[in-house]
Structure formats: C-alpha cells, structure tokens
Amino acid sequence: MSRADEATRRPGAPFATHPLRRYAFAWAALAGRAGRHLDLGCGPGDFLGVLHEHGTVTCEGADPHPDYLAGLAARRPGLPLHRLRVGAPLPFADGRFDSVSLLDVLEHVPDEAALLAETHRVLVPGGLLVLTVPRRHVFSFLDPDNAKFDFPRLHRLVYSWRFGSQVWHSRFADLSDDLRGDMSVGRDRHTNYRTAELLRLLHAAGFTPTTVTGANLFWRWLQIPALLTGGPVRRLLERGIHLDGRLFRSANLFVVARRHP
C-alpha cells in the first residue's frame, strides 16, 4: 500500500476523496511532523491551507502569481505568504525550513537544477523534500498545459469560452509577472519526467530519495473534460480521476527525499 493510500484510509484524512492524489501523498509525509514548512509554488493554497489548519508543522507559502497569493491571503489571513520572482534566488535564509513541498511545480520553472539547489539551501541538514511532477507515460501527449504552445489559437478560443477573454488575457497575454498561465516565461514545454531523469536531478542537488511512487494512468482523458465543465458532470469526472489514482501508478511521480547532512 502506498503512502497516499495509507493517508486516505485514516479516519478524518482531509484528502480522502480529493481527485489529486499528490495532496494525499504530501499530507501523509508532512501532517505529523514538527518544525517549519514551506509550500513552494503554493498556488491558490488548496494543499497549504489544509496543512496550515490541520497539520502539526508551522506553515509558510510562496508563489510568483500575485492573484493566487491575494486570494489565499484573504481566505487564510494568518498564513505567512511570500511573493517570488521567477528565476530569482529564494528570499529565505540558509536552513530556515525543516521541510519543503514542491507539488507539481518543478515542471513550470525556468531552471529545475537552480530551484532544487535553492530548495536544498533553505532546508536544514536532513530536512525533508516532498516533490511531485507529471511522469512521462503513454498518455503524456494529452497534457493540457502544452495546448497553449501546440495549439495557441484553439487554446485561446476554448479558454476564453470557458473563463472569459479578460481572464485569458490576464493569464496568457499579460506577461508582466513573468508567467504565461502558471508557466515561467521562456519555458516552452510542460515537462513530463522519466523517473531516472528526476532522480538524477535530485541526487545532483544533494538529495537522497527515500520514497518513490506515483498515481494515475488514464486521468488526462478525464481531466481535460473536467476542466471544461462544472456541476455534477465535473464531480463525476473527478470521482473517476480519484479512482484512477487509486488503481494506477504511471502518470504522476511522487518522491520524498532528504537533504544530505
């Protein structure tokens, strides 16, 4: 049984039915720990907010996206949040954190090795890194984050239809925050990593992986229509994604690693 499976079978587990299995995996690794934790690339705070409220670590969040941080600050006014600059060193002292989570973040940054080196720097010796990324597998070609590069006109049309043209413009045309959507400007691919490739990056940055697992296989077939719908249809698709995550281990790669002393 995987770490995420163990987490979701405990009574009251907050991500027991969440469609994204990375949250259950990260919860299992972090919920019972002490010390100071950084959720790096926290986004809108779906994981961080729950860990802050129900976990045992002292949480901080960091992200380059101002709208995500503003929304999260409004919902969690006591949670320390930090605005990052894309590609810049992290604004934290050496050894500030006992643990760091990077949940589907590494594939968005301009330089994976630089970010992992910075993560290593801000962790205490022996500190814990919880990392998730999309894995290279048979259905990687369906990755919706690459649609804006492969089919830009279609992406604009569909995204504007679903969320409005102003939202499309603020996320994909206005590059003043050095982001195109959630992707760093200058990066032209949402990477799907082979396991050996990711482990080489971690070892080179000074980390020793202790847990390597994953989730899902068919979820891209369900995720794409879920992004375009709402209400009962979306909830049904998300239940399918959740079940797919429990049954398969191919489409996402989950790692817990320790910083070398």
Protein backbone atom coordinates (compact mmCIF):
# COMPACT_ATOMS: atom_id res chain seq x y z
CA MET A 1 0.00 0.00 0.00
CA SER A 2 1.36 3.43 -0.95
CA ARG A 3 1.90 6.32 1.45
CA ALA A 4 -1.05 8.14 -0.13
CA ASP A 5 -3.29 5.08 0.31
CA GLU A 6 -2.32 4.84 3.98
CA ALA A 7 -3.10 8.54 4.44
CA THR A 8 -6.54 8.42 2.88
CA ARG A 9 -7.64 5.37 4.90
CA ARG A 10 -7.06 7.08 8.24
CA PRO A 11 -10.24 8.43 9.87
CA GLY A 12 -10.73 12.10 9.05
CA ALA A 13 -7.99 12.26 6.42
CA PRO A 14 -8.62 15.61 4.68
CA PHE A 15 -7.74 14.44 1.16
CA ALA A 16 -9.50 11.07 1.33
CA THR A 17 -11.68 11.81 -1.70
CA HIS A 18 -9.70 14.58 -3.40
CA PRO A 19 -9.13 13.79 -7.10
CA LEU A 20 -5.47 14.90 -6.97
CA ARG A 21 -3.55 12.12 -5.24
CA ARG A 22 -0.47 14.28 -4.75
CA TYR A 23 -2.24 16.03 -1.88
CA ALA A 24 -2.87 12.77 -0.01
CA PHE A 25 0.75 11.78 -0.60
CA ALA A 26 2.09 15.10 0.72
CA TRP A 27 -0.30 15.03 3.68
CA ALA A 28 0.97 11.58 4.68
CA ALA A 29 4.57 12.80 4.55
CA LEU A 30 4.03 16.06 6.44
CA ALA A 31 0.94 16.06 8.66
CA GLY A 32 2.60 14.52 11.72
CA ARG A 33 5.88 16.43 11.52
CA ALA A 34 7.07 19.32 13.64
CA GLY A 35 9.09 22.37 12.62
CA ARG A 36 8.76 24.99 9.90
CA HIS A 37 7.38 24.05 6.49
CA LEU A 38 7.46 25.91 3.16
CA ASP A 39 4.97 25.10 0.39
CA LEU A 40 6.98 26.36 -2.57
CA GLY A 41 4.75 27.23 -5.51
CA CYS A 42 1.70 27.05 -3.28
CA GLY A 43 -0.69 28.34 -5.98
CA PRO A 44 -4.19 29.04 -4.67
CA GLY A 45 -3.38 27.10 -1.50
CA ASP A 46 -5.54 24.01 -1.89
CA PHE A 47 -2.96 21.91 -0.03
CA LEU A 48 -1.25 24.57 2.06
CA GLY A 49 -4.47 25.91 3.58
CA VAL A 50 -5.44 22.47 4.90
CA LEU A 51 -1.93 21.72 6.18
CA HIS A 52 -1.86 25.10 7.91
CA GLU A 53 -5.20 24.49 9.60
CA HIS A 54 -4.96 20.80 10.46
CA GLY A 55 -1.28 19.82 10.30
CA THR A 56 1.37 20.00 13.02
CA VAL A 57 4.04 21.98 11.15
CA THR A 58 4.31 25.78 11.11
CA CYS A 59 3.47 26.70 7.53
CA GLU A 60 4.58 29.38 5.08
CA GLY A 61 3.69 29.67 1.41
CA ALA A 62 5.48 31.18 -1.59
CA ASP A 63 4.45 31.71 -5.20
CA PRO A 64 5.16 34.16 -8.06
CA HIS A 65 1.49 34.53 -9.01
CA PRO A 66 0.02 37.66 -7.33
CA ASP A 67 -3.63 36.65 -7.82
CA TYR A 68 -3.09 33.29 -6.15
CA LEU A 69 -1.43 34.94 -3.17
CA ALA A 70 -4.10 37.61 -2.85
CA GLY A 71 -6.90 35.06 -2.82
CA LEU A 72 -5.09 32.82 -0.35
CA ALA A 73 -4.29 35.75 1.96
CA ALA A 74 -7.98 36.70 2.01
CA ARG A 75 -9.00 33.16 2.96
CA ARG A 76 -6.14 32.50 5.42
CA PRO A 77 -5.19 35.88 6.93
CA GLY A 78 -2.82 34.36 9.49
CA LEU A 79 -0.75 32.40 7.00
CA PRO A 80 2.68 33.91 6.11
CA LEU A 81 2.95 34.27 2.32
CA HIS A 82 5.83 35.40 0.11
CA ARG A 83 5.81 36.72 -3.46
CA LEU A 84 8.60 35.15 -5.50
CA ARG A 85 10.34 36.47 -8.60
CA VAL A 86 10.53 33.93 -11.40
CA GLY A 87 14.05 32.54 -11.73
CA ALA A 88 15.40 34.50 -8.75
CA PRO A 89 17.00 33.02 -5.61
CA LEU A 90 14.57 32.20 -2.84
CA PRO A 91 14.22 35.07 -0.33
CA PHE A 92 14.97 32.89 2.71
CA ALA A 93 17.98 32.33 4.94
CA ASP A 94 20.02 29.14 4.76
CA GLY A 95 18.45 26.31 6.76
CA ARG A 96 15.25 28.20 7.53
CA PHE A 97 12.88 25.27 6.92
CA ASP A 98 12.60 21.73 8.24
CA SER A 99 10.56 20.63 5.22
CA VAL A 100 9.60 21.90 1.77
CA SER A 101 6.89 20.76 -0.63
CA LEU A 102 7.08 21.22 -4.41
CA LEU A 103 3.76 19.87 -5.66
CA ASP A 104 3.67 19.88 -9.46
CA VAL A 105 5.92 22.95 -9.56
CA LEU A 106 9.29 21.81 -10.94
CA GLU A 107 7.94 21.37 -14.47
CA HIS A 108 6.92 25.06 -14.56
CA VAL A 109 10.21 26.75 -13.61
CA PRO A 110 12.92 28.11 -15.94
CA ASP A 111 15.75 26.11 -14.33
CA GLU A 112 14.97 22.92 -12.38
CA ALA A 113 18.54 22.45 -11.14
CA ALA A 114 18.70 26.02 -9.82
CA LEU A 115 15.40 25.67 -7.95
CA LEU A 116 16.42 22.36 -6.40
CA ALA A 117 19.74 23.89 -5.34
CA GLU A 118 17.87 26.76 -3.69
CA THR A 119 15.49 24.30 -2.02
CA HIS A 120 18.50 22.41 -0.67
CA ARG A 121 19.96 25.67 0.67
CA VAL A 122 16.85 26.73 2.62
CA LEU A 123 16.39 23.28 4.19
CA VAL A 124 18.12 22.23 7.39
CA PRO A 125 20.60 19.34 7.01
CA GLY A 126 18.50 16.19 6.91
CA GLY A 127 15.41 18.24 6.04
CA LEU A 128 12.55 16.73 4.05
CA LEU A 129 11.55 17.48 0.46
CA VAL A 130 8.15 16.29 -0.81
CA LEU A 131 8.10 16.51 -4.59
CA THR A 132 5.51 15.63 -7.23
CA VAL A 133 5.71 16.01 -11.01
CA PRO A 134 3.89 14.61 -14.06
CA ARG A 135 5.55 11.41 -15.21
CA ARG A 136 6.40 10.54 -18.81
CA HIS A 137 3.97 7.79 -19.85
CA VAL A 138 1.89 6.59 -22.77
CA PHE A 139 -0.68 9.41 -22.48
CA SER A 140 1.71 12.31 -21.85
CA PHE A 141 0.78 13.75 -25.25
CA LEU A 142 -2.59 14.71 -23.71
CA ASP A 143 -1.02 17.12 -21.19
CA PRO A 144 -3.36 20.16 -21.36
CA ASP A 145 -0.64 22.54 -20.16
CA ASN A 146 1.09 22.14 -23.52
CA ALA A 147 -2.00 23.11 -25.52
CA LYS A 148 -1.11 26.81 -25.31
CA PHE A 149 2.16 26.04 -27.11
CA ASP A 150 0.97 23.40 -29.56
CA PHE A 151 -2.43 24.89 -30.48
CA PRO A 152 -2.35 28.54 -29.38
CA ARG A 153 -5.40 29.71 -31.33
CA LEU A 154 -7.53 26.78 -30.24
CA HIS A 155 -6.33 27.21 -26.66
CA ARG A 156 -7.31 30.88 -26.69
CA LEU A 157 -10.73 30.11 -28.17
CA VAL A 158 -11.56 27.33 -25.72
CA TYR A 159 -10.13 29.07 -22.65
CA SER A 160 -11.93 32.33 -23.47
CA TRP A 161 -15.18 30.45 -23.98
CA ARG A 162 -14.81 28.72 -20.60
CA PHE A 163 -13.42 31.54 -18.45
CA GLY A 164 -13.79 34.76 -20.46
CA SER A 165 -11.46 36.70 -22.75
CA GLN A 166 -10.28 39.04 -19.98
CA VAL A 167 -9.15 36.10 -17.85
CA TRP A 168 -7.33 34.61 -20.86
CA HIS A 169 -5.58 37.94 -21.48
CA SER A 170 -4.51 38.39 -17.85
CA ARG A 171 -3.13 34.86 -17.64
CA PHE A 172 -1.61 34.30 -21.09
CA ALA A 173 -1.07 37.66 -22.81
CA ASP A 174 -0.01 39.87 -19.88
CA LEU A 175 3.50 38.58 -19.11
CA SER A 176 4.43 41.32 -16.62
CA ASP A 177 4.70 38.75 -13.81
CA ASP A 178 6.99 36.56 -15.99
CA LEU A 179 4.29 33.89 -16.15
CA ARG A 180 2.28 32.53 -19.06
CA GLY A 181 -0.54 30.91 -17.15
CA ASP A 182 1.40 29.03 -14.48
CA MET A 183 4.45 28.52 -16.72
CA SER A 184 7.60 30.61 -16.49
CA VAL A 185 8.10 32.86 -19.50
CA GLY A 186 10.86 31.41 -21.65
CA ARG A 187 9.85 27.81 -20.99
CA ASP A 188 8.03 26.26 -23.92
CA ARG A 189 7.12 22.85 -22.53
CA HIS A 190 5.37 21.38 -19.51
CA THR A 191 7.83 18.60 -18.74
CA ASN A 192 6.70 15.04 -18.10
CA TYR A 193 9.67 13.42 -16.33
CA ARG A 194 11.11 9.96 -16.61
CA THR A 195 11.84 8.54 -13.15
CA ALA A 196 15.58 8.18 -13.74
CA GLU A 197 15.78 11.75 -15.03
CA LEU A 198 14.11 13.18 -11.92
CA LEU A 199 16.23 11.10 -9.56
CA ARG A 200 19.40 12.33 -11.28
CA LEU A 201 18.29 15.93 -10.73
CA LEU A 202 17.64 15.22 -7.06
CA HIS A 203 20.96 13.47 -6.47
CA ALA A 204 22.84 16.27 -8.24
CA ALA A 205 21.16 18.84 -5.97
CA GLY A 206 22.16 16.96 -2.81
CA PHE A 207 19.03 14.94 -2.03
CA THR A 208 18.60 11.26 -1.20
CA PRO A 209 15.17 9.90 -2.25
CA THR A 210 13.55 7.67 0.39
CA THR A 211 10.15 7.09 -1.25
CA VAL A 212 9.38 6.90 -4.96
CA THR A 213 5.85 6.11 -6.09
CA GLY A 214 3.12 7.59 -8.28
CA ALA A 215 -0.54 7.68 -9.28
CA ASN A 216 -2.98 7.54 -12.20
CA LEU A 217 -2.88 6.31 -15.78
CA PHE A 218 -6.00 7.46 -17.66
CA TRP A 219 -6.57 10.72 -15.76
CA ARG A 220 -5.74 13.04 -18.69
CA TRP A 221 -8.73 11.58 -20.55
CA LEU A 222 -10.88 12.67 -17.60
CA GLN A 223 -9.02 15.81 -16.56
CA ILE A 224 -9.43 17.66 -19.86
CA PRO A 225 -13.25 17.44 -19.95
CA ALA A 226 -13.33 18.19 -16.21
CA LEU A 227 -11.53 21.48 -16.89
CA LEU A 228 -14.23 22.46 -19.36
CA THR A 229 -17.30 21.55 -17.32
CA GLY A 230 -18.82 22.19 -13.91
CA GLY A 231 -21.51 20.95 -11.57
CA PRO A 232 -22.48 17.26 -11.45
CA VAL A 233 -20.58 16.39 -14.63
CA ARG A 234 -17.33 17.72 -13.21
CA ARG A 235 -17.89 15.98 -9.88
CA LEU A 236 -18.46 12.69 -11.71
CA LEU A 237 -15.27 13.13 -13.73
CA GLU A 238 -13.31 13.98 -10.58
CA ARG A 239 -14.54 10.79 -8.93
CA GLY A 240 -13.20 8.94 -11.94
CA ILE A 241 -9.84 10.71 -11.59
CA HIS A 242 -9.74 9.75 -7.92
CA LEU A 243 -10.44 6.09 -8.70
CA ASP A 244 -7.84 6.11 -11.47
CA GLY A 245 -5.31 7.46 -8.95
CA ARG A 246 -6.01 4.64 -6.54
CA LEU A 247 -5.72 1.93 -9.19
CA PHE A 248 -2.67 3.02 -11.20
CA ARG A 249 0.83 4.46 -10.63
CA SER A 250 2.04 5.58 -14.08
CA ALA A 251 1.01 9.18 -14.84
CA ASN A 252 2.36 11.08 -11.82
CA LEU A 253 5.63 10.73 -9.97
CA PHE A 254 5.78 11.25 -6.20
CA VAL A 255 9.04 11.46 -4.23
CA VAL A 256 10.08 12.05 -0.64
CA ALA A 257 13.78 12.93 -0.31
CA ARG A 258 16.18 14.03 2.42
CA ARG A 259 18.73 16.79 2.15
CA HIS A 260 22.23 15.39 2.62
CA PRO A 261 23.65 16.41 6.02
